[in-house]
Protein backbone atom coordinates (compact mmCIF):
# COMPACT_ATOMS: atom_id res chain seq x y z
CA UNK A 1 -13.91 15.66 -34.77
CA UNK A 2 -13.67 14.49 -31.70
CA UNK A 3 -10.34 16.68 -31.55
CA UNK A 4 -12.38 20.36 -31.90
CA UNK A 5 -15.25 18.80 -29.87
CA UNK A 6 -16.78 21.20 -27.51
CA UNK A 7 -18.52 20.76 -24.30
CA UNK A 8 -21.86 22.08 -24.79
CA UNK A 9 -22.00 24.59 -21.77
CA UNK A 10 -19.41 26.51 -24.19
CA UNK A 11 -21.87 26.20 -27.02
CA UNK A 12 -24.53 28.03 -25.28
CA UNK A 13 -22.62 30.80 -23.83
CA UNK A 14 -22.73 32.61 -27.76
CA UNK A 15 -23.21 32.02 -31.62
CA UNK A 16 -20.45 30.53 -32.86
CA UNK A 17 -19.49 28.40 -36.40
CA UNK A 18 -18.06 24.99 -37.18
CA UNK A 19 -18.21 23.46 -33.89
CA UNK A 20 -18.22 19.89 -32.79
CA UNK A 21 -20.53 18.78 -30.15
CA UNK A 22 -20.96 14.80 -29.07
CA UNK A 23 -23.30 13.62 -26.59
CA UNK A 24 -26.26 11.35 -25.95
CA UNK A 25 -29.26 11.77 -28.13
CA UNK A 26 -32.39 12.60 -25.06
CA UNK A 27 -35.03 13.02 -27.78
CA UNK A 28 -35.84 13.19 -31.36
CA UNK A 29 -38.27 14.69 -33.06
CA UNK A 30 -39.48 14.25 -36.68
CA UNK A 31 -41.32 17.28 -38.60
CA UNK A 32 -42.00 15.09 -41.73
CA UNK A 33 -39.34 14.75 -44.33
CA UNK A 34 -36.89 18.16 -44.01
CA UNK A 35 -37.32 18.86 -39.95
CA UNK A 36 -36.01 17.50 -37.26
CA UNK A 37 -35.06 18.78 -33.67
CA UNK A 38 -32.75 16.44 -31.40
CA UNK A 39 -32.00 17.05 -27.85
CA UNK A 40 -28.39 16.31 -27.32
CA UNK A 41 -26.58 16.14 -23.61
CA UNK A 42 -23.20 15.65 -22.40
CA UNK A 43 -22.17 16.03 -18.52
CA UNK A 44 -22.53 19.59 -18.77
CA UNK A 45 -25.64 20.75 -20.14
CA UNK A 46 -28.26 20.01 -23.25
CA UNK A 47 -28.51 21.88 -26.30
CA UNK A 48 -31.12 21.61 -29.28
CA UNK A 49 -30.00 20.55 -32.42
CA UNK A 50 -31.68 21.15 -35.84
CA UNK A 51 -31.29 19.02 -38.81
CA UNK A 52 -33.00 21.30 -42.20
CA UNK A 53 -33.74 19.75 -45.46
CA UNK A 54 -30.19 20.63 -46.95
CA UNK A 55 -29.03 18.54 -44.70
CA UNK A 56 -27.43 15.81 -46.93
CA UNK A 57 -27.56 12.86 -44.36
CA UNK A 58 -31.14 13.47 -43.21
CA UNK A 59 -32.34 9.69 -43.58
CA UNK A 60 -29.67 9.04 -40.43
CA UNK A 61 -32.10 10.87 -37.80
CA UNK A 62 -34.47 8.14 -38.56
CA UNK A 63 -32.68 5.79 -36.90
CA UNK A 64 -31.62 7.29 -33.76
CA UNK A 65 -32.41 5.96 -30.72
CA UNK A 66 -32.53 7.85 -27.19
CA UNK A 67 -29.70 6.97 -25.61
CA UNK A 68 -27.41 6.83 -28.55
CA UNK A 69 -23.80 8.50 -28.97
CA UNK A 70 -23.65 10.65 -31.89
CA UNK A 71 -20.78 13.50 -33.14
CA UNK A 72 -22.18 16.45 -34.73
CA UNK A 73 -20.82 19.53 -36.57
CA UNK A 74 -22.47 22.75 -37.00
CA UNK A 75 -23.36 26.49 -36.32
CA UNK A 76 -24.43 27.70 -32.99
CA UNK A 77 -27.43 30.60 -33.75
CA UNK A 78 -29.80 32.45 -31.93
CA UNK A 79 -32.94 30.39 -30.97
CA UNK A 80 -36.03 30.93 -32.41
CA UNK A 81 -37.93 29.07 -30.06
CA UNK A 82 -39.52 30.40 -26.72
CA UNK A 83 -36.86 28.44 -24.39
CA UNK A 84 -34.23 31.13 -25.97
CA UNK A 85 -31.54 28.83 -25.33
CA UNK A 86 -29.32 28.80 -28.79
CA UNK A 87 -29.43 25.97 -30.84
CA UNK A 88 -26.96 24.33 -33.31
CA UNK A 89 -27.78 23.79 -36.84
CA UNK A 90 -26.30 20.15 -38.07
CA UNK A 91 -23.84 20.09 -41.31
CA UNK A 92 -22.33 17.03 -40.53
CA UNK A 93 -24.00 13.86 -38.07
CA UNK A 94 -21.49 10.72 -37.24
CA UNK A 95 -23.44 8.23 -35.34
CA UNK A 96 -20.85 6.72 -32.66
CA UNK A 97 -22.85 3.57 -31.30
CA UNK A 98 -26.99 3.58 -31.69
CA UNK A 99 -28.27 2.44 -28.13
CA UNK A 100 -30.50 -0.60 -28.28
CA UNK A 101 -34.20 -0.23 -27.14
CA UNK A 102 -36.15 -0.63 -25.08
CA UNK A 103 -33.58 0.58 -22.28
CA UNK A 104 -33.75 -1.44 -19.25
CA UNK A 105 -34.23 1.86 -16.79
CA UNK A 106 -36.53 5.16 -16.75
CA UNK A 107 -34.02 7.68 -16.62
CA UNK A 108 -35.73 10.30 -16.86
CA UNK A 109 -39.61 9.54 -15.16
CA UNK A 110 -38.97 7.92 -12.03
CA UNK A 111 -40.78 4.63 -12.72
CA UNK A 112 -37.29 1.94 -11.72
CA UNK A 113 -36.85 1.02 -8.32
CA UNK A 114 -33.80 1.83 -6.86
CA UNK A 115 -32.28 -1.86 -6.70
CA UNK A 116 -33.07 -1.68 -10.96
CA UNK A 117 -30.93 1.47 -11.03
CA UNK A 118 -28.41 0.25 -9.45
CA UNK A 119 -28.08 -3.06 -11.73
CA UNK A 120 -27.78 -0.49 -14.87
CA UNK A 121 -26.07 2.51 -12.48
CA UNK A 122 -24.54 3.19 -15.91
CA UNK A 123 -27.52 4.34 -17.43
CA UNK A 124 -29.24 5.66 -14.49
CA UNK A 125 -26.36 8.37 -13.79
CA UNK A 126 -26.95 9.98 -17.10
CA UNK A 127 -29.43 11.71 -15.28
CA UNK A 128 -28.52 15.13 -14.56
CA UNK A 129 -29.58 15.23 -11.39
CA UNK A 130 -27.92 11.81 -10.02
CA UNK A 131 -24.86 12.93 -11.76
CA UNK A 132 -24.83 16.26 -10.00
CA UNK A 133 -24.81 14.39 -6.67
CA UNK A 134 -21.00 12.66 -8.16
CA UNK A 135 -19.84 16.06 -9.07
CA UNK A 136 -20.15 17.49 -5.95
CA UNK A 137 -19.33 14.54 -3.83
CA UNK A 138 -15.75 14.75 -6.38
CA UNK A 139 -15.96 18.18 -5.39
CA UNK A 140 -15.89 17.29 -1.38
CA UNK A 141 -13.22 14.81 -1.96
CA UNK A 142 -11.07 18.07 -3.70
CA UNK A 143 -11.84 20.10 -0.81
CA UNK A 144 -11.03 17.72 1.49
CA UNK A 145 -7.56 17.23 0.26
CA UNK A 146 -7.06 20.58 -0.14
CA UNK A 147 -7.80 21.60 3.22
CA UNK A 148 -5.34 18.76 4.85
CA UNK A 149 -2.57 20.17 2.39
CA UNK A 150 -3.21 23.60 3.75
CA UNK A 151 -3.13 22.68 6.92
CA UNK A 152 0.16 20.75 6.94
CA UNK A 153 -1.02 16.96 6.54
CA UNK A 154 0.90 14.68 5.01
CA UNK A 155 -1.22 12.18 2.82
CA UNK A 156 -0.30 8.24 3.72
CA UNK A 157 -1.78 5.24 1.83
CA UNK A 158 -2.22 2.14 4.41
CA UNK A 159 -2.82 -1.30 3.68
CA UNK A 160 -6.65 -2.92 2.87
CA UNK A 161 -5.38 -6.26 3.58
CA UNK A 162 -4.39 -6.88 7.60
CA UNK A 163 -3.30 -9.58 10.03
CA UNK A 164 -5.61 -8.64 12.45
CA UNK A 165 -8.65 -6.37 13.21
CA UNK A 166 -7.91 -2.79 14.46
CA UNK A 167 -11.81 -1.93 15.09
CA UNK A 168 -13.47 -2.77 18.73
CA UNK A 169 -16.87 -4.19 17.73
CA UNK A 170 -16.75 -3.93 13.99
CA UNK A 171 -17.51 -7.28 11.80
CA UNK A 172 -14.43 -8.54 9.48
CA UNK A 173 -14.18 -9.88 5.93
CA UNK A 174 -11.60 -12.78 6.51
CA UNK A 175 -9.86 -13.83 3.34
CA UNK A 176 -7.34 -16.16 2.19
CA UNK A 177 -3.96 -14.64 2.22
CA UNK A 178 -1.73 -17.17 0.09
CA UNK A 179 -3.13 -20.37 2.47
CA UNK A 180 -3.59 -18.13 6.13
CA UNK A 181 -6.38 -15.95 7.06
CA UNK A 182 -6.11 -11.89 6.55
CA UNK A 183 -8.92 -9.37 7.10
CA UNK A 184 -9.83 -6.30 4.83
CA UNK A 185 -9.46 -3.31 6.93
CA UNK A 186 -11.81 -2.00 8.64
CA UNK A 187 -9.98 1.28 9.60
CA UNK A 188 -6.38 2.50 9.01
CA UNK A 189 -6.39 3.21 12.99
CA UNK A 190 -3.28 2.08 13.86
CA UNK A 191 -1.30 2.97 10.73
CA UNK A 192 -2.69 6.71 11.42
CA UNK A 193 -1.17 6.65 14.93
CA UNK A 194 1.93 4.85 13.39
CA UNK A 195 2.25 7.56 10.96
CA UNK A 196 2.04 10.47 13.54
CA UNK A 197 4.78 8.51 15.33
CA UNK A 198 6.96 8.08 12.63
CA UNK A 199 7.40 11.39 12.48
CA UNK A 200 4.77 12.92 10.04
CA UNK A 201 3.18 14.45 12.93
CA UNK A 202 0.01 15.09 10.80
CA UNK A 203 -1.50 12.42 8.52
CA UNK A 204 -4.76 11.74 6.24
CA UNK A 205 -6.05 9.30 3.91
CA UNK A 206 -9.03 8.83 1.92
CA UNK A 207 -9.64 5.38 1.05
CA UNK A 208 -11.76 2.55 1.08
CA UNK A 209 -13.00 0.92 4.79
CA UNK A 210 -14.80 -2.85 5.15
CA UNK A 211 -17.20 -3.57 7.69
CA UNK A 212 -19.17 -7.03 7.68
CA UNK A 213 -21.89 -6.22 9.35
CA UNK A 214 -25.41 -7.58 8.16
CA UNK A 215 -27.13 -3.57 8.45
CA UNK A 216 -29.96 -3.14 6.19
CA UNK A 217 -30.41 0.39 6.83
CA UNK A 218 -30.07 3.79 5.10
CA UNK A 219 -27.05 4.58 6.47
CA UNK A 220 -24.52 1.44 6.45
CA UNK A 221 -22.38 0.05 4.28
CA UNK A 222 -19.86 -2.92 4.19
CA UNK A 223 -17.40 -0.90 1.87
CA UNK A 224 -17.41 2.70 1.82
CA UNK A 225 -14.96 5.39 1.33
CA UNK A 226 -13.08 6.99 4.51
CA UNK A 227 -11.51 10.09 5.09
CA UNK A 228 -9.44 9.35 8.74
CA UNK A 229 -6.85 12.00 9.80
CA UNK A 230 -4.71 11.86 12.76
CA UNK A 231 -2.24 14.73 14.63
CA UNK A 232 0.39 14.79 17.13
CA UNK A 233 1.12 17.11 19.84
CA UNK A 234 -2.35 18.21 21.00
CA UNK A 235 -3.59 19.37 24.52
CA UNK A 236 -7.29 17.36 24.10
CA UNK A 237 -9.30 16.24 21.85
CA UNK A 238 -10.70 19.79 21.67
CA UNK A 239 -7.96 20.30 19.13
CA UNK A 240 -9.41 17.99 16.91
CA UNK A 241 -13.19 19.18 17.07
CA UNK A 242 -11.19 22.53 15.85
CA UNK A 243 -9.73 21.48 12.90
CA UNK A 244 -12.94 19.03 11.90
CA UNK A 245 -15.01 22.38 12.33
CA UNK A 246 -12.80 24.28 9.75
CA UNK A 247 -12.96 21.33 7.90
CA UNK A 248 -16.54 21.41 7.32
CA UNK A 249 -16.68 25.11 7.21
CA UNK A 250 -14.35 24.94 4.26
CA UNK A 251 -15.58 22.41 2.35
CA UNK A 252 -19.01 24.11 2.42
CA UNK A 253 -17.72 27.27 0.99
CA UNK A 254 -16.31 25.36 -1.78
CA UNK A 255 -18.92 23.40 -3.06
CA UNK A 256 -20.92 26.57 -2.39
CA UNK A 257 -18.43 28.27 -5.29
CA UNK A 258 -18.13 25.67 -7.51
CA UNK A 259 -21.37 23.73 -7.24
CA UNK A 260 -23.79 26.32 -7.75
CA UNK A 261 -25.38 24.35 -10.86
CA UNK A 262 -25.60 21.15 -9.36
CA UNK A 263 -26.98 22.43 -5.88
CA UNK A 264 -29.87 24.28 -7.92
CA UNK A 265 -30.65 21.47 -9.94
CA UNK A 266 -31.38 19.08 -6.75
CA UNK A 267 -32.79 21.99 -5.14
CA UNK A 268 -30.15 22.32 -2.27
CA UNK A 269 -29.09 25.88 -0.31
CA UNK A 270 -26.26 25.25 2.06
CA UNK A 271 -25.48 27.88 4.68
CA UNK A 272 -21.59 27.37 6.15
CA UNK A 273 -21.57 27.29 9.74
CA UNK A 274 -20.19 30.21 11.97
CA UNK A 275 -19.87 28.51 15.01
CA UNK A 276 -20.72 24.26 16.05
CA UNK A 277 -22.47 23.23 19.03
CA UNK A 278 -20.25 21.18 21.60
CA UNK A 279 -21.65 19.53 24.48
CA UNK A 280 -20.66 16.34 26.62
CA UNK A 281 -22.50 13.48 27.23
CA UNK A 282 -24.15 14.78 30.10
CA UNK A 283 -25.59 17.19 29.09
CA UNK A 284 -26.51 14.86 25.55
CA UNK A 285 -28.58 13.21 28.36
CA UNK A 286 -30.22 15.87 29.64
CA UNK A 287 -31.53 17.64 26.74
CA UNK A 288 -32.59 13.96 25.66
CA UNK A 289 -34.63 13.36 28.62
CA UNK A 290 -36.24 16.88 28.15
CA UNK A 291 -37.80 14.89 25.23
CA UNK A 292 -38.65 11.94 26.79
CA UNK A 293 -35.69 9.81 25.41
CA UNK A 294 -34.06 8.12 28.69
CA UNK A 295 -29.99 7.15 28.27
CA UNK A 296 -28.56 5.24 31.11
CA UNK A 297 -24.61 6.61 32.05
CA UNK A 298 -22.83 4.10 30.15
CA UNK A 299 -25.70 3.97 27.13
CA UNK A 300 -24.66 5.22 23.23
CA UNK A 301 -26.33 7.55 21.38
CA UNK A 302 -29.02 5.46 19.25
CA UNK A 303 -30.51 6.72 15.82
CA UNK A 304 -33.23 8.52 17.54
CA UNK A 305 -31.24 9.84 20.30
CA UNK A 306 -29.36 11.37 17.43
CA UNK A 307 -32.77 12.69 15.63
CA UNK A 308 -34.05 14.29 18.42
CA UNK A 309 -30.76 16.15 19.13
CA UNK A 310 -30.36 17.14 15.84
CA UNK A 311 -33.64 18.36 15.84
CA UNK A 312 -33.15 20.36 19.08
CA UNK A 313 -30.06 21.88 17.67
CA UNK A 314 -31.40 22.46 14.24
CA UNK A 315 -33.95 24.77 16.11
CA UNK A 316 -31.13 26.78 17.67
CA UNK A 317 -29.30 27.46 13.74
CA UNK A 318 -27.18 24.92 13.79
CA UNK A 319 -27.20 21.42 11.45
CA UNK A 320 -23.96 20.34 13.32
CA UNK A 321 -23.33 19.15 17.33
CA UNK A 322 -20.33 17.57 18.99
CA UNK A 323 -21.06 15.48 21.64
CA UNK A 324 -18.00 14.68 23.67
CA UNK A 325 -16.63 12.58 26.72
CA UNK A 326 -18.59 9.44 25.29
CA UNK A 327 -18.82 6.85 27.97
CA UNK A 328 -15.71 4.15 28.35
CA UNK A 329 -17.96 1.34 28.37
CA UNK A 330 -18.50 2.29 24.62
CA UNK A 331 -15.30 3.35 23.22
CA UNK A 332 -12.51 1.26 22.15
CA UNK A 333 -9.67 0.50 24.44
CA UNK A 334 -7.01 2.88 22.79
CA UNK A 335 -8.69 6.16 23.59
CA UNK A 336 -7.74 8.30 26.62
CA UNK A 337 -9.92 8.90 29.71
CA UNK A 338 -10.29 12.18 31.19
CA UNK A 339 -7.86 12.49 34.19
CA UNK A 340 -10.44 13.18 37.07
CA UNK A 341 -13.53 10.66 34.94
CA UNK A 342 -12.72 7.01 34.80
CA UNK A 343 -15.83 5.89 33.28
CA UNK A 344 -15.48 8.52 30.62
CA UNK A 345 -13.22 9.47 27.21
CA UNK A 346 -12.20 11.86 25.56
CA UNK A 347 -13.27 11.34 22.36
CA UNK A 348 -16.63 12.47 20.58
CA UNK A 349 -19.30 12.25 17.60
CA UNK A 350 -19.95 15.08 14.74
CA UNK A 351 -24.05 14.64 14.15
CA UNK A 352 -24.82 16.14 11.13
CA UNK A 353 -28.71 17.04 10.84
CA UNK A 354 -29.24 14.03 13.26
CA UNK A 355 -27.15 11.72 11.91
CA UNK A 356 -23.55 10.66 12.98
CA UNK A 357 -21.17 11.18 10.73
CA UNK A 358 -17.69 11.31 12.18
CA UNK A 359 -16.35 9.69 15.62
CA UNK A 360 -12.88 11.10 17.13
CA UNK A 361 -11.01 10.58 19.88
CA UNK A 362 -7.40 11.74 21.84
CA UNK A 363 -5.72 8.66 21.67
CA UNK A 364 -4.09 7.24 24.77
CA UNK A 365 -0.16 7.35 24.04
CA UNK A 366 0.99 6.18 27.22
CA UNK A 367 2.22 2.18 26.75
CA UNK A 368 1.56 1.21 30.52
CA UNK A 369 -1.74 2.71 30.29
CA UNK A 370 -2.68 1.39 26.84
CA UNK A 371 -1.67 -2.02 28.33
CA UNK A 372 -3.72 -1.50 31.39
CA UNK A 373 -7.27 0.16 29.04
CA UNK A 374 -6.83 -3.16 26.96
CA UNK A 375 -6.55 -5.77 30.08
CA UNK A 376 -10.05 -3.62 31.30
CA UNK A 377 -11.93 -4.54 28.25
CA UNK A 378 -10.21 -8.19 28.12
CA UNK A 379 -7.77 -7.71 25.05
CA UNK A 380 -4.44 -9.05 25.18
CA UNK A 381 -2.28 -7.05 22.80
CA UNK A 382 0.84 -7.99 20.49
CA UNK A 383 4.32 -7.32 21.08
CA UNK A 384 4.42 -5.61 17.65
CA UNK A 385 1.43 -3.41 18.53
CA UNK A 386 3.24 -2.80 21.80
CA UNK A 387 6.45 -1.62 19.95
CA UNK A 388 5.01 1.06 18.78
CA UNK A 389 4.66 3.09 21.62
CA UNK A 390 7.64 2.40 23.06
CA UNK A 391 10.39 4.60 21.70
CA UNK A 392 8.85 8.45 22.29
CA UNK A 393 5.19 8.47 20.99
CA UNK A 394 3.70 12.12 21.22
CA UNK A 395 0.03 12.89 22.55
CA UNK A 396 -2.12 12.53 19.57
CA UNK A 397 -5.71 11.99 17.92
CA UNK A 398 -7.75 11.80 15.11
CA UNK A 399 -11.29 11.73 13.33
CA UNK A 400 -12.91 8.89 11.12
CA UNK A 401 -14.80 10.60 8.48
CA UNK A 402 -17.19 8.78 5.88
CA UNK A 403 -17.29 10.71 2.61
CA UNK A 404 -20.67 8.89 1.08
CA UNK A 405 -22.18 9.56 4.30
CA UNK A 406 -20.96 13.22 4.60
CA UNK A 407 -21.93 13.73 0.78
CA UNK A 408 -25.49 12.18 1.91
CA UNK A 409 -26.19 14.40 4.67
CA UNK A 410 -25.00 17.86 2.80
CA UNK A 411 -27.31 17.03 -0.38
CA UNK A 412 -30.36 15.65 2.34
CA UNK A 413 -30.28 12.30 0.33
CA UNK A 414 -32.67 9.97 2.19
CA UNK A 415 -30.41 7.04 1.64
CA UNK A 416 -26.61 7.12 1.96
CA UNK A 417 -26.82 4.36 -1.11
CA UNK A 418 -27.81 7.24 -3.35
CA UNK A 419 -24.16 8.78 -2.42
CA UNK A 420 -22.20 5.92 -3.96
CA UNK A 421 -21.64 5.06 -7.34
CA UNK A 422 -21.24 1.24 -6.74
CA UNK A 423 -22.86 0.35 -2.70
CA UNK A 424 -22.35 -2.11 -1.43
CA UNK A 425 -24.57 -4.00 1.24
CA UNK A 426 -25.00 -7.41 3.16
CA UNK A 427 -26.86 -8.02 -0.56
CA UNK A 428 -25.06 -6.31 -3.10
CA UNK A 429 -21.44 -7.13 -4.81
CA UNK A 430 -22.24 -6.22 -8.44
CA UNK A 431 -22.16 -4.95 -10.63
């Protein structure tokens, strides 16, 4: 029967005969021996099935358990119930798979703790609200790809096994690579720059990123999905900010357009930002001082500072703020310094509702300055790295975003792990 299957949302549109539906049994209600109601669910919605006394395999329904998979053939008719939703009168029923009882998690009642839900994620995601998160996440992914393609970026795939770390301050996962140490990639940073220098000019990648950091917070993961881009022939970091501003406007527009049902289910309303605030770190420190939060000149923004800035700009009508000219003391050696500010960098963070979701910068492309800045940071550059910049390197810069954290902030989810199908943190390696 499955070759004729229709998704439930199509069955709900009109009355029709001899249709096939398939999905999971959400509820069974037996009314004696001659009438039964079954709530059937697939990824598109739910429909009520009716088995009447003339249904020849009525006894099959007595064996059905919640979350069993069934295939049915029947006629869709107008409802006689108060709900008004069309119903499907069963002619044929096939039990594809009976679910064991009891279920190890409460899919709909909300009584199961998060860790146990992840242990049984294949059941947890059958909840339409949880499924909605991943439908929206999928649309964010597609919108990002569509945007970069429209803006002339070339997709690249970079190695996830590397000979050395590339991201200052981030922990490394060490693996045995045929008897010698190798590392899981913390970032595609060097490879993105190589792509620009190789003549691609504009590149992007959406791929896993690994950070061996023992962070037990609502915003950190040891493995996350990065959205990384790099672009050549730029005037300053403001060119990158311009692109990212357009990216978020496009993503929110696309999610609004294609995920209305999911947003309604999650009670989320999205507003396309017309313009995002851009402030320097010095301006950020002044704003924070007004809120009794003091930062020194070489301090980074901590979580409290980000929250304060988020609330400050929310009151001015914006969920987004770019903070640029971060202190050199807190940035990697390859970030470019402004010509008139040796203690600053042409770098920025993007805060969304008070949480940092992206870091970007104009990179230093002149080898002699790269070597000087690496020396300042106490870093010895190997010849392979230096060679990349010897034979014509355009001024360039880029950004690293986290798809997981973007999804979390867009949907106002408390914990980033809710936005990841199978999250990895310092305590979890399965399923």
